[in-house]
Amino acid sequence: MIELPVRQVKVEDVVQETTREDAIERMSTTFRAVEESGQLDAVALQKIADSIMMDVIDRKENLLQLTDIRLHDKYTFAHSVNVAIISAMIGGLLKLPKDELSILTLGGLLHDLGKIKVASEILNKNGRLNDDEFNEIKHHPIEGARRIEAMASMLPKPDILARIAREHHEHLDGTGYPDHKKENEIHKFSKVVAIADVYDALTSERSYKKPYTPSVTRNIMMNLSKGHFDENLIRLFFNNVAVYPVGTILKTIYGFGIVTKCEFGHTETPSICVFADVQGKMLDKPERIDLKDDGTRAIEMEVSGIELLHFIHHLTVNPMIYLTEEA
C-alpha cells in the first residue's frame, strides 16, 4: 500500500482553520446553553459571526476549497459554522454592507437552531426516515423561528434571523417547506442560506452517507434541483467554489492529470499537471495544461474514492508529488 505524502502546496480557504475550529467549539457551548436554559449568549454568537465575516473579507481572493471542514465530531455545530462561512462568502460576493453581512452570517449560524428539539436518533439515523420522523425534521424551521422570536430582545434584527430559520428549506418553485413560499415571498438572505445549507450537507460525510465531491454536488444543485435555488445566486456561488479542488485527479482528453490551480470564474476548468496518458501509463515528462483554453469538454471524469486508490496502486507513484510551488 502506498503511503500518501503530505501535500506540498498549501491551499488557502476562505477562512482560517483556527477561526473555524474556534467557531465550532463556541457554537457547541452556545447551543448547549440554549438547550439547557433557554438563554442565548448573543455576545458570544456575534463574536463568532464577526470572526467569520472578517476572515472572509480579509481572504476574499481565495476560492472556497472545503478542504477538511466536514470531518468534525460535532457535526451539527460544524454544519452551522460551515453554512455561516458559505453564506458570508456569498454575501461578500454580493458586496453587502458590513451590517447586512453580519446579519446574514449570524443567520447562517442560527438557521438550524430548531434542531435542538429533534431527537439525535432521528438526526443521525443510519437509514431512510419514516413519515413521522421526517415530519419531525420538517418542523425544525418553525421551531427555530419560534425560539429566535422568543429571544428577540437578545438579538439584532430578530425578524430577519427568524425568517432565515423558517425559510431556509423553501424553494423558489414552491415545493419547499414549511410554508411552500415562492420566489419573492422568500427573503434574499434565506435564499443565500438555502444554497449554503444544501451545499454543505451534500459534501458532508455522515453515518448514513458518503460525501459527494464538489463537482457532483454542483451537478445536483444546478441541474437536478431546478427551481429550488435562485439561479443568479447559485451561479455566482459556483463561480467562486473550487469545483475541482487542488489535488483532484481528473481523466481528460490529454490523459490523467492532477489539479494544480483553480481560478475565479473558471472553477470548472482548472489548471492540471498531466502525468499519465489516456491508458494510465506514466509519462516520461509531465505536462502542465490550463483547461480553460478547452472548456469543460476536456474533462471526461473525476477519479475519486476506491477508484483513486486502485489507480494510485496501479501507478506505484502518488500524483501528489506533482503538487509543487511551481505547479
Protein backbone atom coordinates (compact mmCIF):
# COMPACT_ATOMS: atom_id res chain seq x y z
CA MET A 1 0.00 0.00 0.00
CA ILE A 2 1.35 3.44 -0.98
CA GLU A 3 1.68 5.99 1.78
CA LEU A 4 0.26 9.37 0.80
CA PRO A 5 2.83 12.14 1.24
CA VAL A 6 1.98 15.48 2.75
CA ARG A 7 0.70 17.87 0.09
CA GLN A 8 3.47 20.31 -0.84
CA VAL A 9 1.16 23.17 -1.82
CA LYS A 10 -0.73 24.91 0.97
CA VAL A 11 -4.24 25.64 -0.26
CA GLU A 12 -5.81 28.62 1.45
CA ASP A 13 -9.54 28.50 2.16
CA VAL A 14 -11.92 31.44 2.68
CA VAL A 15 -11.41 31.28 6.46
CA GLN A 16 -8.51 30.22 8.63
CA GLU A 17 -8.72 26.75 10.17
CA THR A 18 -8.23 28.26 13.63
CA THR A 19 -11.23 30.55 13.04
CA ARG A 20 -13.38 27.59 12.02
CA GLU A 21 -12.32 25.34 14.88
CA ASP A 22 -12.83 28.10 17.45
CA ALA A 23 -16.26 28.87 15.98
CA ILE A 24 -17.32 25.22 16.20
CA GLU A 25 -16.30 24.98 19.86
CA ARG A 26 -18.09 28.23 20.70
CA MET A 27 -21.21 27.12 18.82
CA SER A 28 -21.23 23.85 20.74
CA THR A 29 -21.15 25.71 24.06
CA THR A 30 -23.74 28.29 22.96
CA PHE A 31 -26.26 25.78 21.60
CA ARG A 32 -25.99 23.56 24.66
CA ALA A 33 -26.70 26.55 26.87
CA VAL A 34 -29.84 27.30 24.85
CA GLU A 35 -30.93 23.68 25.19
CA GLU A 36 -30.38 23.64 28.95
CA SER A 37 -31.58 27.10 29.99
CA GLY A 38 -33.31 28.64 27.00
CA GLN A 39 -30.85 31.54 27.22
CA LEU A 40 -28.78 32.59 24.22
CA ASP A 41 -25.37 34.23 24.65
CA ALA A 42 -25.86 36.80 21.91
CA VAL A 43 -22.49 38.44 22.58
CA ALA A 44 -20.62 35.16 22.06
CA LEU A 45 -22.66 34.42 18.96
CA GLN A 46 -21.94 37.85 17.50
CA LYS A 47 -18.22 37.33 18.12
CA ILE A 48 -18.36 34.07 16.16
CA ALA A 49 -20.17 35.77 13.27
CA ASP A 50 -17.76 38.70 13.26
CA SER A 51 -14.65 36.46 13.25
CA ILE A 52 -16.04 34.53 10.28
CA MET A 53 -17.07 37.72 8.47
CA MET A 54 -13.68 39.40 8.93
CA ASP A 55 -11.81 36.31 7.71
CA VAL A 56 -13.99 36.15 4.60
CA ILE A 57 -13.40 39.85 3.92
CA ASP A 58 -9.64 39.59 4.50
CA ARG A 59 -9.31 36.44 2.38
CA LYS A 60 -11.70 37.32 -0.44
CA GLU A 61 -9.03 36.40 -3.00
CA ASN A 62 -9.40 32.72 -2.01
CA LEU A 63 -11.79 30.20 -3.52
CA LEU A 64 -13.97 28.06 -1.28
CA GLN A 65 -11.97 24.83 -1.05
CA LEU A 66 -13.77 22.93 1.73
CA THR A 67 -10.57 21.04 2.42
CA ASP A 68 -11.44 19.22 5.67
CA ILE A 69 -14.17 21.32 7.26
CA ARG A 70 -16.74 18.49 7.27
CA LEU A 71 -14.69 15.95 9.20
CA HIS A 72 -15.58 17.03 12.72
CA ASP A 73 -17.16 15.13 15.58
CA LYS A 74 -19.60 17.94 16.36
CA TYR A 75 -21.46 17.72 13.05
CA THR A 76 -24.46 19.91 13.97
CA PHE A 77 -22.23 22.74 15.13
CA ALA A 78 -19.71 22.28 12.32
CA HIS A 79 -22.55 22.38 9.80
CA SER A 80 -23.90 25.65 11.24
CA VAL A 81 -20.41 27.18 11.10
CA ASN A 82 -19.87 25.96 7.53
CA VAL A 83 -23.23 27.40 6.46
CA ALA A 84 -22.30 30.72 8.07
CA ILE A 85 -18.95 30.70 6.24
CA ILE A 86 -20.52 29.95 2.86
CA SER A 87 -23.29 32.50 3.45
CA ALA A 88 -20.71 35.15 4.37
CA MET A 89 -18.75 34.33 1.23
CA ILE A 90 -21.84 34.75 -0.96
CA GLY A 91 -22.74 37.95 0.89
CA GLY A 92 -19.25 39.26 0.21
CA LEU A 93 -19.63 38.46 -3.49
CA LEU A 94 -22.90 40.41 -3.44
CA LYS A 95 -20.95 43.31 -1.89
CA LEU A 96 -23.33 43.59 1.04
CA PRO A 97 -22.52 46.35 3.54
CA LYS A 98 -20.93 45.08 6.77
CA ASP A 99 -24.08 45.43 8.87
CA GLU A 100 -26.08 43.26 6.45
CA LEU A 101 -23.20 40.80 6.04
CA SER A 102 -23.09 40.44 9.83
CA ILE A 103 -26.82 39.59 9.99
CA LEU A 104 -26.52 37.12 7.12
CA THR A 105 -23.58 35.38 8.82
CA LEU A 106 -25.47 35.28 12.11
CA GLY A 107 -28.47 33.86 10.25
CA GLY A 108 -26.25 31.06 8.93
CA LEU A 109 -25.14 30.22 12.45
CA LEU A 110 -28.74 30.13 13.74
CA HIS A 111 -30.53 28.57 10.76
CA ASP A 112 -30.75 25.11 12.37
CA LEU A 113 -31.48 26.26 15.92
CA GLY A 114 -34.79 24.38 15.77
CA LYS A 115 -32.97 21.04 15.53
CA ILE A 116 -32.34 21.30 19.27
CA LYS A 117 -35.83 19.83 19.64
CA VAL A 118 -35.19 16.93 17.23
CA ALA A 119 -34.04 13.65 18.77
CA SER A 120 -30.43 12.77 17.96
CA GLU A 121 -31.60 9.27 16.98
CA ILE A 122 -33.53 10.88 14.11
CA LEU A 123 -30.82 13.36 13.13
CA ASN A 124 -28.20 10.59 12.92
CA LYS A 125 -30.38 7.71 11.78
CA ASN A 126 -28.48 5.30 9.55
CA GLY A 127 -31.21 4.73 7.01
CA ARG A 128 -34.34 6.20 5.50
CA LEU A 129 -36.60 8.23 7.78
CA ASN A 130 -40.22 7.08 8.18
CA ASP A 131 -43.05 9.58 7.72
CA ASP A 132 -43.28 10.50 11.40
CA GLU A 133 -39.54 11.06 11.66
CA PHE A 134 -39.47 13.16 8.50
CA ASN A 135 -42.38 15.26 9.74
CA GLU A 136 -40.43 15.94 12.94
CA ILE A 137 -37.43 17.04 10.90
CA LYS A 138 -39.66 19.26 8.76
CA HIS A 139 -40.85 21.08 11.88
CA HIS A 140 -37.38 22.40 12.79
CA PRO A 141 -37.62 25.61 10.70
CA ILE A 142 -40.79 26.60 12.60
CA GLU A 143 -39.22 25.72 15.94
CA GLY A 144 -36.05 27.66 15.07
CA ALA A 145 -38.02 30.77 14.14
CA ARG A 146 -40.09 30.44 17.33
CA ARG A 147 -37.01 30.28 19.52
CA ILE A 148 -35.43 33.29 17.82
CA GLU A 149 -38.65 35.29 18.22
CA ALA A 150 -38.75 34.32 21.90
CA MET A 151 -35.22 35.69 22.33
CA ALA A 152 -35.81 38.77 20.18
CA SER A 153 -34.53 41.20 22.82
CA MET A 154 -31.12 39.48 22.80
CA LEU A 155 -30.53 39.58 19.05
CA PRO A 156 -30.01 42.19 16.31
CA LYS A 157 -32.66 42.13 13.56
CA PRO A 158 -34.52 39.16 15.09
CA ASP A 159 -37.25 39.41 12.43
CA ILE A 160 -34.74 38.70 9.65
CA LEU A 161 -32.98 35.97 11.65
CA ALA A 162 -36.34 34.29 12.32
CA ARG A 163 -37.21 34.42 8.61
CA ILE A 164 -33.90 32.79 7.69
CA ALA A 165 -34.53 29.98 10.18
CA ARG A 166 -38.09 29.47 8.93
CA GLU A 167 -37.39 29.83 5.20
CA HIS A 168 -34.08 28.05 4.57
CA HIS A 169 -35.87 24.94 3.25
CA GLU A 170 -38.23 26.86 0.99
CA HIS A 171 -37.79 26.51 -2.79
CA LEU A 172 -38.40 29.20 -5.37
CA ASP A 173 -40.87 26.93 -7.19
CA GLY A 174 -42.97 26.44 -4.03
CA THR A 175 -42.00 22.81 -3.42
CA GLY A 176 -40.13 23.50 -0.18
CA TYR A 177 -41.33 23.60 3.43
CA PRO A 178 -42.85 24.55 5.84
CA ASP A 179 -44.92 27.24 4.08
CA HIS A 180 -44.43 26.46 0.36
CA LYS A 181 -43.35 30.03 -0.31
CA LYS A 182 -42.28 31.07 -3.79
CA GLU A 183 -39.85 33.50 -5.43
CA ASN A 184 -40.07 36.97 -3.84
CA GLU A 185 -42.00 35.65 -0.84
CA ILE A 186 -38.66 34.30 0.38
CA HIS A 187 -36.18 36.73 1.97
CA LYS A 188 -32.98 37.25 -0.04
CA PHE A 189 -30.87 36.11 2.93
CA SER A 190 -32.91 32.90 3.20
CA LYS A 191 -32.11 32.18 -0.46
CA VAL A 192 -28.40 32.52 0.30
CA VAL A 193 -28.53 30.31 3.40
CA ALA A 194 -30.53 27.69 1.46
CA ILE A 195 -27.66 27.31 -1.01
CA ALA A 196 -25.07 27.15 1.77
CA ASP A 197 -27.13 24.60 3.73
CA VAL A 198 -27.59 22.18 0.85
CA TYR A 199 -24.01 22.51 -0.40
CA ASP A 200 -22.52 21.68 2.97
CA ALA A 201 -24.99 18.84 3.60
CA LEU A 202 -24.22 17.20 0.25
CA THR A 203 -20.44 17.50 0.65
CA SER A 204 -20.51 16.24 4.25
CA GLU A 205 -19.78 12.71 5.41
CA ARG A 206 -22.39 11.34 7.78
CA SER A 207 -23.03 7.99 9.40
CA TYR A 208 -25.62 7.23 6.71
CA LYS A 209 -23.94 8.70 3.59
CA LYS A 210 -20.64 9.31 1.87
CA PRO A 211 -19.78 12.87 0.85
CA TYR A 212 -20.41 13.97 -2.72
CA THR A 213 -17.50 15.66 -4.45
CA PRO A 214 -17.89 19.39 -5.23
CA SER A 215 -18.34 18.61 -8.95
CA VAL A 216 -21.14 16.08 -8.30
CA THR A 217 -22.72 18.49 -5.81
CA ARG A 218 -22.64 21.25 -8.42
CA ASN A 219 -24.45 19.00 -10.91
CA ILE A 220 -27.11 18.06 -8.34
CA MET A 221 -27.76 21.65 -7.28
CA MET A 222 -27.66 23.28 -10.71
CA ASN A 223 -29.17 20.60 -12.93
CA LEU A 224 -31.11 18.11 -10.79
CA SER A 225 -32.64 20.68 -8.42
CA LYS A 226 -34.01 23.12 -10.98
CA GLY A 227 -36.43 25.57 -9.40
CA HIS A 228 -35.07 25.17 -5.88
CA PHE A 229 -32.48 27.94 -5.83
CA ASP A 230 -32.08 31.48 -7.10
CA GLU A 231 -30.22 30.94 -10.40
CA ASN A 232 -28.16 34.14 -10.21
CA LEU A 233 -27.04 33.34 -6.68
CA ILE A 234 -26.13 29.74 -7.38
CA ARG A 235 -24.14 30.64 -10.49
CA LEU A 236 -22.31 33.32 -8.56
CA PHE A 237 -21.59 30.78 -5.82
CA PHE A 238 -20.20 28.06 -8.07
CA ASN A 239 -18.04 30.58 -9.93
CA ASN A 240 -16.23 31.01 -6.61
CA VAL A 241 -16.08 27.40 -5.42
CA ALA A 242 -13.24 25.06 -6.32
CA VAL A 243 -15.43 22.58 -8.22
CA TYR A 244 -12.28 20.52 -8.71
CA PRO A 245 -10.14 21.39 -5.65
CA VAL A 246 -6.34 21.35 -5.83
CA GLY A 247 -5.22 17.71 -5.61
CA THR A 248 -8.24 16.31 -7.51
CA ILE A 249 -7.36 13.66 -10.12
CA LEU A 250 -9.09 14.10 -13.48
CA LYS A 251 -9.23 11.93 -16.58
CA THR A 252 -9.09 14.30 -19.55
CA ILE A 253 -8.70 14.13 -23.32
CA TYR A 254 -4.97 14.69 -22.68
CA GLY A 255 -4.64 11.90 -20.13
CA PHE A 256 -4.74 11.75 -16.34
CA GLY A 257 -3.88 14.94 -14.52
CA ILE A 258 -3.86 16.40 -11.04
CA VAL A 259 -5.42 19.80 -10.39
CA THR A 260 -2.74 22.32 -9.50
CA LYS A 261 -4.65 25.61 -9.64
CA CYS A 262 -8.24 26.93 -9.60
CA GLU A 263 -9.23 30.43 -10.72
CA PHE A 264 -12.26 32.64 -10.08
CA GLY A 265 -14.76 32.41 -12.91
CA HIS A 266 -13.07 29.27 -14.29
CA THR A 267 -13.77 26.85 -11.45
CA GLU A 268 -14.91 24.08 -13.83
CA THR A 269 -11.74 24.32 -15.91
CA PRO A 270 -8.70 24.29 -13.60
CA SER A 271 -5.02 24.05 -14.45
CA ILE A 272 -3.67 20.49 -14.28
CA CYS A 273 -0.41 18.59 -14.44
CA VAL A 274 -0.87 15.64 -16.81
CA PHE A 275 1.28 12.77 -15.54
CA ALA A 276 -0.18 9.71 -17.38
CA ASP A 277 -1.60 9.08 -20.83
CA VAL A 278 -5.24 8.18 -21.54
CA GLN A 279 -4.47 4.50 -20.86
CA GLY A 280 -2.99 5.37 -17.46
CA LYS A 281 0.65 4.83 -18.43
CA MET A 282 3.08 7.22 -16.73
CA LEU A 283 4.57 9.91 -18.98
CA ASP A 284 8.32 10.41 -19.13
CA LYS A 285 7.76 14.13 -18.62
CA PRO A 286 4.60 15.59 -17.03
CA GLU A 287 2.83 18.40 -18.91
CA ARG A 288 1.07 21.40 -17.38
CA ILE A 289 -2.16 22.40 -19.13
CA ASP A 290 -4.70 25.16 -18.47
CA LEU A 291 -8.09 23.56 -19.19
CA LYS A 292 -9.93 26.86 -19.54
CA ASP A 293 -8.48 27.01 -23.06
CA ASP A 294 -10.64 23.96 -23.93
CA GLY A 295 -13.71 24.48 -21.78
CA THR A 296 -15.37 21.65 -19.91
CA ARG A 297 -15.19 19.28 -22.90
CA ALA A 298 -11.61 18.37 -21.94
CA ILE A 299 -12.71 16.68 -18.69
CA GLU A 300 -14.05 13.14 -19.02
CA MET A 301 -14.37 12.16 -15.36
CA GLU A 302 -13.12 12.74 -11.84
CA VAL A 303 -11.19 9.85 -10.27
CA SER A 304 -12.07 9.51 -6.59
CA GLY A 305 -12.84 7.07 -3.78
CA ILE A 306 -11.87 3.43 -4.22
CA GLU A 307 -11.14 4.00 -7.93
CA LEU A 308 -8.50 6.56 -6.96
CA LEU A 309 -6.85 4.12 -4.53
CA HIS A 310 -6.73 1.41 -7.20
CA PHE A 311 -5.38 3.90 -9.73
CA ILE A 312 -2.55 5.03 -7.42
CA HIS A 313 -1.73 1.40 -6.64
CA HIS A 314 -1.54 0.69 -10.38
CA LEU A 315 0.75 3.69 -10.96
CA THR A 316 3.01 2.92 -7.98
CA VAL A 317 3.55 6.69 -7.83
CA ASN A 318 1.39 9.09 -5.88
CA PRO A 319 0.30 12.02 -8.12
CA MET A 320 0.58 14.35 -5.13
CA ILE A 321 4.30 14.65 -5.89
CA TYR A 322 3.36 16.92 -8.78
CA LEU A 323 1.87 19.48 -6.42
CA THR A 324 4.86 21.77 -6.09
CA GLU A 325 5.05 25.51 -5.67
CA GLU A 326 5.86 25.76 -9.38
CA ALA A 327 2.62 23.90 -10.25
